Amino acid sequence: MIDYDILIVGGVGVDTIVRVDRLEVPTGRDSVGVPPVLDYPAHTGNGVALGCHALGLRTKFADFLGEDPQGALVLAEYARRGLDFSHLPAPAGTPRSVNLVDRDGLRFSFYDGRHPADARLPRAFWLPLLERSAHVHLSITGVNREMYPDVERLGRSSSTDLHAWNGTDEHHRYYALRSDLVFLSAAGLDNRPEAVMRAVLEQGRAELVVATAGAHGSFLLTRADAAPRHFPAADPGAPVVDSNGAGDAFVAGFLRQRLAGRPVEECMRAGAVAGAFACTTAGTHTAFLDAAGLDAALER
């Protein structure tokens, strides 16, 4: 029985957002006043899960979570939003990040990944969830690495987001070569992602690779394409104030259309629209397009 359209595994934490004029330390001073410093439930799995949930997909999220104030913040937010979340206690506590966000909405993150590198969610925890899900999105946190054999055995489609992969790191490569849909940021490749995108298709099982490039749009390469196709960024319709979570919103928008069987070009446009919308609100994963909003934007 399929109860969930999508299962997201791994990638929950808390972001502390610090808004600054520029992404640099002021010279000649040892402190500076900033707008209120706020904490938000965050990280990549959180963003994809909340984005898919807002878009009407039957969404299940699973991960470790600390029994600490940050974990309580996450659970309260999920209860408020109605997100279906299962978790096991994280002995090292809830992962955290401190994100500096400048006046143009650009960010730099200090990530304290608290889970040990060899931490794994047990198979008895995630297998019943996988069996009830049509699609699984695996965040690159490592806790889900052992899921791929069962994903393939059960014939479930899969996706992952490599973020700013440099094209060589082996941790990211493992996910890149085992997933059906691969997302990454072109930022780690000097905005020239073609060689890495092609290598993923040639060496792995992926049907397609998407590279996002912020205001420069995004690139799509499928097994039928001679070269990556470029798609322009969407007009957010409001000032850009914070780019935190834009990539996760792009993935959610793309997957919503993909799981509905829509053409890949429409999936790319949906990702662009959802990602642009996420840039118009301050904080991490604070607002997402709903299904009606996305459909209206695509019609326009």
C-alpha atoms as a PDB file:
ATOM      1  CA  MET A   1       0.000   0.000   0.000  1.00  0.00           C
ATOM      2  CA  ILE A   2       1.334   3.420  -0.993  1.00  0.00           C
ATOM      3  CA  ASP A   3       0.497   5.975   1.696  1.00  0.00           C
ATOM      4  CA  TYR A   4       3.041   8.651   0.783  1.00  0.00           C
ATOM      5  CA  ASP A   5       3.836  10.353  -2.500  1.00  0.00           C
ATOM      6  CA  ILE A   6       7.299  11.162  -1.193  1.00  0.00           C
ATOM      7  CA  LEU A   7       9.555  10.129   1.683  1.00  0.00           C
ATOM      8  CA  ILE A   8      12.393  12.485   2.615  1.00  0.00           C
ATOM      9  CA  VAL A   9      15.137  10.956   4.742  1.00  0.00           C
ATOM     10  CA  GLY A  10      17.751  13.005   6.583  1.00  0.00           C
ATOM     11  CA  GLY A  11      18.520  16.690   6.773  1.00  0.00           C
ATOM     12  CA  VAL A  12      16.797  18.410   9.684  1.00  0.00           C
ATOM     13  CA  GLY A  13      18.392  21.013  11.937  1.00  0.00           C
ATOM     14  CA  VAL A  14      18.116  24.583  13.148  1.00  0.00           C
ATOM     15  CA  ASP A  15      19.492  27.721  11.475  1.00  0.00           C
ATOM     16  CA  THR A  16      20.451  30.858  13.348  1.00  0.00           C
ATOM     17  CA  ILE A  17      20.093  33.764  10.918  1.00  0.00           C
ATOM     18  CA  VAL A  18      22.280  36.846  11.339  1.00  0.00           C
ATOM     19  CA  ARG A  19      21.485  39.713   8.946  1.00  0.00           C
ATOM     20  CA  VAL A  20      24.506  41.839   7.996  1.00  0.00           C
ATOM     21  CA  ASP A  21      25.299  44.569   5.475  1.00  0.00           C
ATOM     22  CA  ARG A  22      28.061  42.571   3.790  1.00  0.00           C
ATOM     23  CA  LEU A  23      29.486  39.058   4.052  1.00  0.00           C
ATOM     24  CA  GLU A  24      32.677  40.288   5.691  1.00  0.00           C
ATOM     25  CA  VAL A  25      33.991  41.141   9.146  1.00  0.00           C
ATOM     26  CA  PRO A  26      34.089  44.939   9.656  1.00  0.00           C
ATOM     27  CA  THR A  27      37.635  46.216  10.140  1.00  0.00           C
ATOM     28  CA  GLY A  28      38.664  48.147  13.243  1.00  0.00           C
ATOM     29  CA  ARG A  29      35.763  46.846  15.347  1.00  0.00           C
ATOM     30  CA  ASP A  30      35.133  43.811  17.547  1.00  0.00           C
ATOM     31  CA  SER A  31      31.328  43.967  17.464  1.00  0.00           C
ATOM     32  CA  VAL A  32      28.489  45.333  15.388  1.00  0.00           C
ATOM     33  CA  GLY A  33      24.754  45.705  15.936  1.00  0.00           C
ATOM     34  CA  VAL A  34      22.477  43.642  13.697  1.00  0.00           C
ATOM     35  CA  PRO A  35      18.716  43.108  13.334  1.00  0.00           C
ATOM     36  CA  PRO A  36      17.164  40.463  15.618  1.00  0.00           C
ATOM     37  CA  VAL A  37      19.000  37.116  15.521  1.00  0.00           C
ATOM     38  CA  LEU A  38      16.410  34.357  15.051  1.00  0.00           C
ATOM     39  CA  ASP A  39      16.340  30.555  15.017  1.00  0.00           C
ATOM     40  CA  TYR A  40      14.428  28.554  12.399  1.00  0.00           C
ATOM     41  CA  PRO A  41      13.849  24.827  11.796  1.00  0.00           C
ATOM     42  CA  ALA A  42      15.968  24.283   8.718  1.00  0.00           C
ATOM     43  CA  HIS A  43      18.460  22.275   6.638  1.00  0.00           C
ATOM     44  CA  THR A  44      17.953  20.594   3.318  1.00  0.00           C
ATOM     45  CA  GLY A  45      15.592  17.726   4.187  1.00  0.00           C
ATOM     46  CA  ASN A  46      13.439  20.100   6.185  1.00  0.00           C
ATOM     47  CA  GLY A  47      13.143  22.438   3.210  1.00  0.00           C
ATOM     48  CA  VAL A  48      12.228  19.739   0.703  1.00  0.00           C
ATOM     49  CA  ALA A  49       9.739  18.158   3.118  1.00  0.00           C
ATOM     50  CA  LEU A  50       7.973  21.402   3.992  1.00  0.00           C
ATOM     51  CA  GLY A  51       7.977  22.470   0.338  1.00  0.00           C
ATOM     52  CA  CYS A  52       6.429  19.207  -0.843  1.00  0.00           C
ATOM     53  CA  HIS A  53       3.913  19.294   1.998  1.00  0.00           C
ATOM     54  CA  ALA A  54       2.862  22.852   1.104  1.00  0.00           C
ATOM     55  CA  LEU A  55       2.402  21.771  -2.516  1.00  0.00           C
ATOM     56  CA  GLY A  56      -0.082  19.078  -1.520  1.00  0.00           C
ATOM     57  CA  LEU A  57       2.076  15.972  -1.818  1.00  0.00           C
ATOM     58  CA  ARG A  58       1.485  13.265   0.778  1.00  0.00           C
ATOM     59  CA  THR A  59       4.809  13.798   2.506  1.00  0.00           C
ATOM     60  CA  LYS A  60       6.701  11.783   5.114  1.00  0.00           C
ATOM     61  CA  PHE A  61       9.917  13.049   6.702  1.00  0.00           C
ATOM     62  CA  ALA A  62      12.303  10.936   8.801  1.00  0.00           C
ATOM     63  CA  ASP A  63      15.596  11.633  10.576  1.00  0.00           C
ATOM     64  CA  PHE A  64      17.479  11.766  13.833  1.00  0.00           C
ATOM     65  CA  LEU A  65      16.564  14.671  16.137  1.00  0.00           C
ATOM     66  CA  GLY A  66      18.133  15.861  19.370  1.00  0.00           C
ATOM     67  CA  GLU A  67      16.275  15.855  22.667  1.00  0.00           C
ATOM     68  CA  ASP A  68      17.186  19.486  23.227  1.00  0.00           C
ATOM     69  CA  PRO A  69      15.633  22.970  22.835  1.00  0.00           C
ATOM     70  CA  GLN A  70      16.392  22.948  19.116  1.00  0.00           C
ATOM     71  CA  GLY A  71      14.638  19.609  18.682  1.00  0.00           C
ATOM     72  CA  ALA A  72      11.626  20.938  20.578  1.00  0.00           C
ATOM     73  CA  LEU A  73      11.551  23.943  18.236  1.00  0.00           C
ATOM     74  CA  VAL A  74      11.490  21.614  15.224  1.00  0.00           C
ATOM     75  CA  LEU A  75       8.713  19.425  16.629  1.00  0.00           C
ATOM     76  CA  ALA A  76       6.559  22.417  17.516  1.00  0.00           C
ATOM     77  CA  GLU A  77       6.895  23.820  13.999  1.00  0.00           C
ATOM     78  CA  TYR A  78       6.010  20.493  12.373  1.00  0.00           C
ATOM     79  CA  ALA A  79       2.975  20.136  14.609  1.00  0.00           C
ATOM     80  CA  ARG A  80       1.874  23.642  13.623  1.00  0.00           C
ATOM     81  CA  ARG A  81       2.280  22.924   9.907  1.00  0.00           C
ATOM     82  CA  GLY A  82       0.916  19.388  10.026  1.00  0.00           C
ATOM     83  CA  LEU A  83       4.052  17.737   8.615  1.00  0.00           C
ATOM     84  CA  ASP A  84       4.228  13.973   9.204  1.00  0.00           C
ATOM     85  CA  PHE A  85       7.628  13.439  10.864  1.00  0.00           C
ATOM     86  CA  SER A  86       9.190  10.366  12.462  1.00  0.00           C
ATOM     87  CA  HIS A  87      12.495  10.523  14.309  1.00  0.00           C
ATOM     88  CA  LEU A  88      14.959   8.709  16.509  1.00  0.00           C
ATOM     89  CA  PRO A  89      16.956  10.420  19.291  1.00  0.00           C
ATOM     90  CA  ALA A  90      20.228  11.982  18.137  1.00  0.00           C
ATOM     91  CA  PRO A  91      22.818  11.463  20.898  1.00  0.00           C
ATOM     92  CA  ALA A  92      24.908  14.383  19.656  1.00  0.00           C
ATOM     93  CA  GLY A  93      21.930  16.745  19.571  1.00  0.00           C
ATOM     94  CA  THR A  94      20.127  18.590  16.802  1.00  0.00           C
ATOM     95  CA  PRO A  95      22.469  19.840  14.024  1.00  0.00           C
ATOM     96  CA  ARG A  96      22.822  23.599  13.821  1.00  0.00           C
ATOM     97  CA  SER A  97      24.012  26.270  11.394  1.00  0.00           C
ATOM     98  CA  VAL A  98      24.751  29.965  11.690  1.00  0.00           C
ATOM     99  CA  ASN A  99      23.924  31.770   8.443  1.00  0.00           C
ATOM    100  CA  LEU A 100      25.093  35.276   7.599  1.00  0.00           C
ATOM    101  CA  VAL A 101      22.665  36.945   5.158  1.00  0.00           C
ATOM    102  CA  ASP A 102      23.627  40.215   3.460  1.00  0.00           C
ATOM    103  CA  ARG A 103      21.464  43.094   2.228  1.00  0.00           C
ATOM    104  CA  ASP A 104      21.056  41.395  -1.206  1.00  0.00           C
ATOM    105  CA  GLY A 105      19.847  38.132   0.307  1.00  0.00           C
ATOM    106  CA  LEU A 106      23.101  36.237  -0.316  1.00  0.00           C
ATOM    107  CA  ARG A 107      24.302  33.968   2.470  1.00  0.00           C
ATOM    108  CA  PHE A 108      27.273  32.179   3.999  1.00  0.00           C
ATOM    109  CA  SER A 109      26.700  29.253   6.358  1.00  0.00           C
ATOM    110  CA  PHE A 110      28.724  27.870   9.258  1.00  0.00           C
ATOM    111  CA  TYR A 111      27.483  24.292   9.652  1.00  0.00           C
ATOM    112  CA  ASP A 112      28.257  22.285  12.793  1.00  0.00           C
ATOM    113  CA  GLY A 113      27.121  18.846  11.537  1.00  0.00           C
ATOM    114  CA  ARG A 114      26.798  17.095  14.884  1.00  0.00           C
ATOM    115  CA  HIS A 115      25.948  13.592  13.730  1.00  0.00           C
ATOM    116  CA  PRO A 116      29.043  11.361  13.624  1.00  0.00           C
ATOM    117  CA  ALA A 117      30.085  10.628  10.045  1.00  0.00           C
ATOM    118  CA  ASP A 118      29.149   6.963  10.482  1.00  0.00           C
ATOM    119  CA  ALA A 119      25.697   7.583  11.998  1.00  0.00           C
ATOM    120  CA  ARG A 120      23.024   5.563  10.182  1.00  0.00           C
ATOM    121  CA  LEU A 121      19.292   5.319  10.644  1.00  0.00           C
ATOM    122  CA  PRO A 122      18.491   1.633  11.284  1.00  0.00           C
ATOM    123  CA  ARG A 123      16.805  -0.358   8.543  1.00  0.00           C
ATOM    124  CA  ALA A 124      13.970  -1.389  10.865  1.00  0.00           C
ATOM    125  CA  PHE A 125      13.100   2.299  11.213  1.00  0.00           C
ATOM    126  CA  TRP A 126      13.035   3.379   7.577  1.00  0.00           C
ATOM    127  CA  LEU A 127      12.117   0.226   5.629  1.00  0.00           C
ATOM    128  CA  PRO A 128       8.404   0.271   6.575  1.00  0.00           C
ATOM    129  CA  LEU A 129       8.288   3.935   5.520  1.00  0.00           C
ATOM    130  CA  LEU A 130      10.027   3.215   2.224  1.00  0.00           C
ATOM    131  CA  GLU A 131       7.638   0.355   1.459  1.00  0.00           C
ATOM    132  CA  ARG A 132       4.704   2.765   1.799  1.00  0.00           C
ATOM    133  CA  SER A 133       6.228   5.533  -0.379  1.00  0.00           C
ATOM    134  CA  ALA A 134       6.178   6.070  -4.145  1.00  0.00           C
ATOM    135  CA  HIS A 135       9.348   8.185  -4.243  1.00  0.00           C
ATOM    136  CA  VAL A 136      12.237   8.789  -1.845  1.00  0.00           C
ATOM    137  CA  HIS A 137      14.456  11.860  -1.587  1.00  0.00           C
ATOM    138  CA  LEU A 138      17.745  11.180   0.171  1.00  0.00           C
ATOM    139  CA  SER A 139      19.544  14.148   1.713  1.00  0.00           C
ATOM    140  CA  ILE A 140      23.342  13.896   1.609  1.00  0.00           C
ATOM    141  CA  THR A 141      23.725  13.713   5.391  1.00  0.00           C
ATOM    142  CA  GLY A 142      24.959  10.118   5.374  1.00  0.00           C
ATOM    143  CA  VAL A 143      22.298   8.747   7.727  1.00  0.00           C
ATOM    144  CA  ASN A 144      20.433   7.156   4.776  1.00  0.00           C
ATOM    145  CA  ARG A 145      23.325   5.705   2.728  1.00  0.00           C
ATOM    146  CA  GLU A 146      22.274   2.109   3.361  1.00  0.00           C
ATOM    147  CA  MET A 147      18.816   2.628   1.841  1.00  0.00           C
ATOM    148  CA  TYR A 148      19.769   2.415  -1.839  1.00  0.00           C
ATOM    149  CA  PRO A 149      19.725  -1.403  -2.214  1.00  0.00           C
ATOM    150  CA  ASP A 150      16.163  -1.516  -0.878  1.00  0.00           C
ATOM    151  CA  VAL A 151      15.137   1.514  -2.954  1.00  0.00           C
ATOM    152  CA  GLU A 152      16.263  -0.368  -6.056  1.00  0.00           C
ATOM    153  CA  ARG A 153      14.834  -3.728  -4.913  1.00  0.00           C
ATOM    154  CA  LEU A 154      11.411  -2.170  -4.364  1.00  0.00           C
ATOM    155  CA  GLY A 155      11.533  -0.257  -7.641  1.00  0.00           C
ATOM    156  CA  ARG A 156      11.074   3.129  -5.993  1.00  0.00           C
ATOM    157  CA  SER A 157      12.215   6.255  -7.808  1.00  0.00           C
ATOM    158  CA  SER A 158      14.785   8.367  -5.980  1.00  0.00           C
ATOM    159  CA  SER A 159      16.305  11.822  -5.925  1.00  0.00           C
ATOM    160  CA  THR A 160      19.088  13.679  -4.143  1.00  0.00           C
ATOM    161  CA  ASP A 161      20.506  17.196  -3.933  1.00  0.00           C
ATOM    162  CA  LEU A 162      24.319  17.452  -4.001  1.00  0.00           C
ATOM    163  CA  HIS A 163      24.303  21.211  -3.268  1.00  0.00           C
ATOM    164  CA  ALA A 164      27.625  22.930  -4.109  1.00  0.00           C
ATOM    165  CA  TRP A 165      29.451  19.706  -5.055  1.00  0.00           C
ATOM    166  CA  ASN A 166      32.898  20.178  -6.554  1.00  0.00           C
ATOM    167  CA  GLY A 167      32.475  17.158  -8.809  1.00  0.00           C
ATOM    168  CA  THR A 168      35.104  15.027  -7.026  1.00  0.00           C
ATOM    169  CA  ASP A 169      34.130  14.559  -3.373  1.00  0.00           C
ATOM    170  CA  GLU A 170      33.391  10.861  -2.896  1.00  0.00           C
ATOM    171  CA  HIS A 171      30.661  11.347  -0.292  1.00  0.00           C
ATOM    172  CA  HIS A 172      28.575  13.320  -2.787  1.00  0.00           C
ATOM    173  CA  ARG A 173      29.493  11.012  -5.662  1.00  0.00           C
ATOM    174  CA  TYR A 174      27.925   8.044  -3.856  1.00  0.00           C
ATOM    175  CA  TYR A 175      24.543   9.790  -3.888  1.00  0.00           C
ATOM    176  CA  ALA A 176      25.056  11.142  -7.415  1.00  0.00           C
ATOM    177  CA  LEU A 177      25.572   7.722  -8.958  1.00  0.00           C
ATOM    178  CA  ARG A 178      22.782   5.906  -7.079  1.00  0.00           C
ATOM    179  CA  SER A 179      19.867   8.345  -7.570  1.00  0.00           C
ATOM    180  CA  ASP A 180      17.417   8.640 -10.480  1.00  0.00           C
ATOM    181  CA  LEU A 181      17.066  12.439 -10.299  1.00  0.00           C
ATOM    182  CA  VAL A 182      20.131  14.460  -9.320  1.00  0.00           C
ATOM    183  CA  PHE A 183      20.110  18.126  -8.310  1.00  0.00           C
ATOM    184  CA  LEU A 184      23.184  20.244  -7.645  1.00  0.00           C
ATOM    185  CA  SER A 185      24.311  23.849  -7.483  1.00  0.00           C
ATOM    186  CA  ALA A 186      26.479  25.223 -10.253  1.00  0.00           C
ATOM    187  CA  ALA A 187      28.172  27.505  -7.708  1.00  0.00           C
ATOM    188  CA  GLY A 188      30.735  24.874  -6.749  1.00  0.00           C
ATOM    189  CA  LEU A 189      31.633  24.379 -10.413  1.00  0.00           C
ATOM    190  CA  ASP A 190      32.293  28.020 -11.349  1.00  0.00           C
ATOM    191  CA  ASN A 191      28.846  28.024 -12.996  1.00  0.00           C
ATOM    192  CA  ARG A 192      30.182  25.632 -15.676  1.00  0.00           C
ATOM    193  CA  PRO A 193      28.448  22.399 -14.706  1.00  0.00           C
ATOM    194  CA  GLU A 194      28.273  20.503 -18.025  1.00  0.00           C
ATOM    195  CA  ALA A 195      31.208  18.144 -17.509  1.00  0.00           C
ATOM    196  CA  VAL A 196      30.020  17.059 -14.064  1.00  0.00           C
ATOM    197  CA  MET A 197      26.407  16.709 -15.188  1.00  0.00           C
ATOM    198  CA  ARG A 198      27.466  14.508 -18.091  1.00  0.00           C
ATOM    199  CA  ALA A 199      29.711  12.370 -15.873  1.00  0.00           C
ATOM    200  CA  VAL A 200      26.809  11.705 -13.506  1.00  0.00           C
ATOM    201  CA  LEU A 201      24.678  10.447 -16.398  1.00  0.00           C
ATOM    202  CA  GLU A 202      27.481   8.366 -17.895  1.00  0.00           C
ATOM    203  CA  GLN A 203      28.644   6.746 -14.659  1.00  0.00           C
ATOM    204  CA  GLY A 204      25.414   6.410 -12.681  1.00  0.00           C
ATOM    205  CA  ARG A 205      21.738   5.507 -12.981  1.00  0.00           C
ATOM    206  CA  ALA A 206      20.328   9.043 -13.200  1.00  0.00           C
ATOM    207  CA  GLU A 207      17.708   9.863 -15.823  1.00  0.00           C
ATOM    208  CA  LEU A 208      18.476  13.567 -15.565  1.00  0.00           C
ATOM    209  CA  VAL A 209      20.652  16.096 -13.780  1.00  0.00           C
ATOM    210  CA  VAL A 210      19.599  19.631 -12.827  1.00  0.00           C
ATOM    211  CA  ALA A 211      22.120  22.349 -11.930  1.00  0.00           C
ATOM    212  CA  THR A 212      20.721  25.505 -10.342  1.00  0.00           C
ATOM    213  CA  ALA A 213      22.557  28.800 -10.755  1.00  0.00           C
ATOM    214  CA  GLY A 214      20.568  31.319  -8.708  1.00  0.00           C
ATOM    215  CA  ALA A 215      19.715  34.468 -10.621  1.00  0.00           C
ATOM    216  CA  HIS A 216      21.345  32.923 -13.713  1.00  0.00           C
ATOM    217  CA  GLY A 217      18.613  30.296 -13.911  1.00  0.00           C
ATOM    218  CA  SER A 218      19.165  26.550 -14.127  1.00  0.00           C
ATOM    219  CA  PHE A 219      20.454  23.855 -16.462  1.00  0.00           C
ATOM    220  CA  LEU A 220      18.940  20.500 -17.396  1.00  0.00           C
ATOM    221  CA  LEU A 221      20.732  17.530 -18.933  1.00  0.00           C
ATOM    222  CA  THR A 222      18.916  14.305 -19.768  1.00  0.00           C
ATOM    223  CA  ARG A 223      20.155  11.201 -21.532  1.00  0.00           C
ATOM    224  CA  ALA A 224      18.480  12.460 -24.721  1.00  0.00           C
ATOM    225  CA  ASP A 225      20.172  15.886 -24.675  1.00  0.00           C
ATOM    226  CA  ALA A 226      23.285  16.709 -26.666  1.00  0.00           C
ATOM    227  CA  ALA A 227      24.056  19.588 -24.302  1.00  0.00           C
ATOM    228  CA  PRO A 228      22.527  21.097 -21.148  1.00  0.00           C
ATOM    229  CA  ARG A 229      19.415  23.171 -21.733  1.00  0.00           C
ATOM    230  CA  HIS A 230      19.243  26.524 -19.966  1.00  0.00           C
ATOM    231  CA  PHE A 231      16.087  27.743 -18.225  1.00  0.00           C
ATOM    232  CA  PRO A 232      15.853  31.354 -17.018  1.00  0.00           C
ATOM    233  CA  ALA A 233      15.214  32.257 -13.409  1.00  0.00           C
ATOM    234  CA  ALA A 234      11.639  33.174 -12.538  1.00  0.00           C
ATOM    235  CA  ASP A 235      10.646  36.679 -11.540  1.00  0.00           C
ATOM    236  CA  PRO A 236       9.964  36.442  -7.784  1.00  0.00           C
ATOM    237  CA  GLY A 237       7.426  39.259  -8.015  1.00  0.00           C
ATOM    238  CA  ALA A 238       8.854  40.927  -4.900  1.00  0.00           C
ATOM    239  CA  PRO A 239      12.273  42.034  -3.626  1.00  0.00           C
ATOM    240  CA  VAL A 240      14.805  39.291  -2.878  1.00  0.00           C
ATOM    241  CA  VAL A 241      15.570  39.383   0.842  1.00  0.00           C
ATOM    242  CA  ASP A 242      17.005  35.953   1.681  1.00  0.00           C
ATOM    243  CA  SER A 243      18.244  33.096  -0.505  1.00  0.00           C
ATOM    244  CA  ASN A 244      18.157  30.539   2.336  1.00  0.00           C
ATOM    245  CA  GLY A 245      16.101  27.555   1.213  1.00  0.00           C
ATOM    246  CA  ALA A 246      15.720  28.562  -2.436  1.00  0.00           C
ATOM    247  CA  GLY A 247      17.404  25.406  -3.708  1.00  0.00           C
ATOM    248  CA  ASP A 248      15.232  23.177  -1.533  1.00  0.00           C
ATOM    249  CA  ALA A 249      12.105  24.968  -2.752  1.00  0.00           C
ATOM    250  CA  PHE A 250      13.280  24.438  -6.355  1.00  0.00           C
ATOM    251  CA  VAL A 251      13.585  20.691  -5.695  1.00  0.00           C
ATOM    252  CA  ALA A 252      10.106  20.576  -4.131  1.00  0.00           C
ATOM    253  CA  GLY A 253       8.523  22.426  -7.040  1.00  0.00           C
ATOM    254  CA  PHE A 254      10.260  20.198  -9.584  1.00  0.00           C
ATOM    255  CA  LEU A 255       9.266  17.000  -7.777  1.00  0.00           C
ATOM    256  CA  ARG A 256       5.641  18.058  -7.417  1.00  0.00           C
ATOM    257  CA  GLN A 257       5.286  18.275 -11.192  1.00  0.00           C
ATOM    258  CA  ARG A 258       7.496  15.256 -11.860  1.00  0.00           C
ATOM    259  CA  LEU A 259       5.472  12.990  -9.584  1.00  0.00           C
ATOM    260  CA  ALA A 260       2.322  14.209 -11.341  1.00  0.00           C
ATOM    261  CA  GLY A 261       3.770  12.997 -14.644  1.00  0.00           C
ATOM    262  CA  ARG A 262       4.252  16.457 -16.125  1.00  0.00           C
ATOM    263  CA  PRO A 263       6.809  17.198 -18.899  1.00  0.00           C
ATOM    264  CA  VAL A 264      10.318  17.876 -17.669  1.00  0.00           C
ATOM    265  CA  GLU A 265      10.240  21.421 -19.066  1.00  0.00           C
ATOM    266  CA  GLU A 266       7.256  22.177 -16.847  1.00  0.00           C
ATOM    267  CA  CYS A 267       9.094  20.628 -13.896  1.00  0.00           C
ATOM    268  CA  MET A 268      11.987  23.038 -14.492  1.00  0.00           C
ATOM    269  CA  ARG A 269       9.649  26.029 -14.635  1.00  0.00           C
ATOM    270  CA  ALA A 270       7.912  24.881 -11.449  1.00  0.00           C
ATOM    271  CA  GLY A 271      11.252  24.593  -9.679  1.00  0.00           C
ATOM    272  CA  ALA A 272      12.246  28.087 -10.792  1.00  0.00           C
ATOM    273  CA  VAL A 273       8.950  29.599  -9.619  1.00  0.00           C
ATOM    274  CA  ALA A 274       9.073  27.865  -6.228  1.00  0.00           C
ATOM    275  CA  GLY A 275      12.719  28.780  -5.689  1.00  0.00           C
ATOM    276  CA  ALA A 276      12.151  32.427  -6.560  1.00  0.00           C
ATOM    277  CA  PHE A 277       9.210  32.661  -4.175  1.00  0.00           C
ATOM    278  CA  ALA A 278      11.355  31.352  -1.313  1.00  0.00           C
ATOM    279  CA  CYS A 279      13.752  34.283  -1.775  1.00  0.00           C
ATOM    280  CA  THR A 280      11.071  36.867  -0.989  1.00  0.00           C
ATOM    281  CA  THR A 281      10.752  36.080   2.735  1.00  0.00           C
ATOM    282  CA  ALA A 282      13.313  36.445   5.508  1.00  0.00           C
ATOM    283  CA  GLY A 283      14.577  33.393   7.365  1.00  0.00           C
ATOM    284  CA  THR A 284      14.992  29.762   6.404  1.00  0.00           C
ATOM    285  CA  HIS A 285      12.017  27.783   5.058  1.00  0.00           C
ATOM    286  CA  THR A 286       9.490  30.246   6.440  1.00  0.00           C
ATOM    287  CA  ALA A 287       7.189  30.408   3.401  1.00  0.00           C
ATOM    288  CA  PHE A 288       6.459  28.113   0.478  1.00  0.00           C
ATOM    289  CA  LEU A 289       4.160  28.278  -2.521  1.00  0.00           C
ATOM    290  CA  ASP A 290       1.067  26.167  -2.161  1.00  0.00           C
ATOM    291  CA  ALA A 291      -0.395  24.086  -4.970  1.00  0.00           C
ATOM    292  CA  ALA A 292      -2.813  26.802  -6.109  1.00  0.00           C
ATOM    293  CA  GLY A 293      -0.063  29.410  -6.146  1.00  0.00           C
ATOM    294  CA  LEU A 294       2.269  27.225  -8.179  1.00  0.00           C
ATOM    295  CA  ASP A 295      -0.434  26.274 -10.673  1.00  0.00           C
ATOM    296  CA  ALA A 296      -1.429  29.920 -11.125  1.00  0.00           C
ATOM    297  CA  ALA A 297       2.194  30.931 -11.685  1.00  0.00           C
ATOM    298  CA  LEU A 298       2.702  28.197 -14.268  1.00  0.00           C
ATOM    299  CA  GLU A 299      -0.425  29.275 -16.134  1.00  0.00           C
ATOM    300  CA  ARG A 300       0.910  32.827 -16.303  1.00  0.00           C
END
